[in-house]
């Protein structure tokens, strides 16, 4: 679940260094799907529409 909030670089490193869950196909499918979702979300947040959305959320909380 932590991968969903951006922990995938550490998970990838763990897979490479200690071979953690590197052979479990189901985990790999979910892992790479979360990597793609994280990259897309990051790209959207740094784009104009995403940053505007993020600013509006911050404005609601303050």
C-alpha atoms as a PDB file:
ATOM      1  CA  UNK A   1       0.000   0.000   0.000  1.00  0.00           C
ATOM      2  CA  UNK A   2       2.905   2.387   0.643  1.00  0.00           C
ATOM      3  CA  UNK A   3       3.828   2.137  -3.030  1.00  0.00           C
ATOM      4  CA  UNK A   4       0.612   3.948  -3.850  1.00  0.00           C
ATOM      5  CA  UNK A   5       1.845   7.062  -2.080  1.00  0.00           C
ATOM      6  CA  UNK A   6       5.251   7.139  -3.694  1.00  0.00           C
ATOM      7  CA  UNK A   7       7.351   4.427  -2.077  1.00  0.00           C
ATOM      8  CA  UNK A   8       8.082   2.667  -5.346  1.00  0.00           C
ATOM      9  CA  UNK A   9      11.707   3.856  -5.710  1.00  0.00           C
ATOM     10  CA  UNK A  10      12.588   2.125  -2.432  1.00  0.00           C
ATOM     11  CA  UNK A  11      10.647  -0.974  -3.423  1.00  0.00           C
ATOM     12  CA  UNK A  12      12.491  -1.115  -6.739  1.00  0.00           C
ATOM     13  CA  UNK A  13      15.805  -0.761  -4.946  1.00  0.00           C
ATOM     14  CA  UNK A  14      14.866  -3.556  -2.523  1.00  0.00           C
ATOM     15  CA  UNK A  15      13.948  -5.798  -5.446  1.00  0.00           C
ATOM     16  CA  UNK A  16      17.311  -5.195  -7.091  1.00  0.00           C
ATOM     17  CA  UNK A  17      19.499  -5.429  -3.984  1.00  0.00           C
ATOM     18  CA  UNK A  18      17.874  -8.177  -1.920  1.00  0.00           C
ATOM     19  CA  UNK A  19      15.608  -9.690  -4.607  1.00  0.00           C
ATOM     20  CA  UNK A  20      12.528  -8.895  -2.526  1.00  0.00           C
ATOM     21  CA  UNK A  21       9.420 -10.166  -4.363  1.00  0.00           C
ATOM     22  CA  UNK A  22      11.255  -9.938  -7.658  1.00  0.00           C
ATOM     23  CA  UNK A  23       9.900 -13.262  -8.961  1.00  0.00           C
ATOM     24  CA  UNK A  24       6.270 -12.995  -7.904  1.00  0.00           C
ATOM     25  CA  UNK A  25       4.444 -12.184 -11.134  1.00  0.00           C
ATOM     26  CA  UNK A  26       1.249 -10.924  -9.474  1.00  0.00           C
ATOM     27  CA  UNK A  27       3.219  -8.531  -7.286  1.00  0.00           C
ATOM     28  CA  UNK A  28       5.265  -7.313 -10.265  1.00  0.00           C
ATOM     29  CA  UNK A  29       2.084  -6.517 -12.202  1.00  0.00           C
ATOM     30  CA  UNK A  30       0.644  -4.486  -9.330  1.00  0.00           C
ATOM     31  CA  UNK A  31       4.034  -2.890  -8.629  1.00  0.00           C
ATOM     32  CA  UNK A  32       4.538  -1.619 -12.178  1.00  0.00           C
ATOM     33  CA  UNK A  33       0.926  -0.438 -12.365  1.00  0.00           C
ATOM     34  CA  UNK A  34       1.503   1.694  -9.250  1.00  0.00           C
ATOM     35  CA  UNK A  35       4.776   3.012 -10.708  1.00  0.00           C
ATOM     36  CA  UNK A  36       2.943   4.136 -13.843  1.00  0.00           C
ATOM     37  CA  UNK A  37       0.108   5.669 -11.799  1.00  0.00           C
ATOM     38  CA  UNK A  38       2.583   7.538  -9.587  1.00  0.00           C
ATOM     39  CA  UNK A  39       4.475   8.915 -12.583  1.00  0.00           C
ATOM     40  CA  UNK A  40       1.246   9.985 -14.279  1.00  0.00           C
ATOM     41  CA  UNK A  41      -0.024  11.631 -11.088  1.00  0.00           C
ATOM     42  CA  UNK A  42       3.275  13.457 -10.618  1.00  0.00           C
ATOM     43  CA  UNK A  43       3.229  14.637 -14.221  1.00  0.00           C
ATOM     44  CA  UNK A  44      -0.329  15.856 -13.840  1.00  0.00           C
ATOM     45  CA  UNK A  45       0.469  17.672 -10.581  1.00  0.00           C
ATOM     46  CA  UNK A  46       3.341  19.604 -12.127  1.00  0.00           C
ATOM     47  CA  UNK A  47       1.240  20.480 -15.184  1.00  0.00           C
ATOM     48  CA  UNK A  48      -0.854  23.631 -15.185  1.00  0.00           C
ATOM     49  CA  UNK A  49      -4.199  21.927 -14.522  1.00  0.00           C
ATOM     50  CA  UNK A  50      -2.856  19.743 -11.736  1.00  0.00           C
ATOM     51  CA  UNK A  51      -1.095  22.579  -9.956  1.00  0.00           C
ATOM     52  CA  UNK A  52      -4.258  24.674 -10.161  1.00  0.00           C
ATOM     53  CA  UNK A  53      -6.234  21.821  -8.637  1.00  0.00           C
ATOM     54  CA  UNK A  54      -3.658  21.408  -5.900  1.00  0.00           C
ATOM     55  CA  UNK A  55      -3.727  25.137  -5.134  1.00  0.00           C
ATOM     56  CA  UNK A  56      -7.514  25.074  -4.876  1.00  0.00           C
ATOM     57  CA  UNK A  57      -7.310  22.192  -2.410  1.00  0.00           C
ATOM     58  CA  UNK A  58      -4.773  24.057  -0.300  1.00  0.00           C
ATOM     59  CA  UNK A  59      -7.000  27.135  -0.369  1.00  0.00           C
ATOM     60  CA  UNK A  60      -9.914  25.051   0.943  1.00  0.00           C
ATOM     61  CA  UNK A  61      -7.839  23.813   3.884  1.00  0.00           C
ATOM     62  CA  UNK A  62      -6.562  27.237   4.896  1.00  0.00           C
END
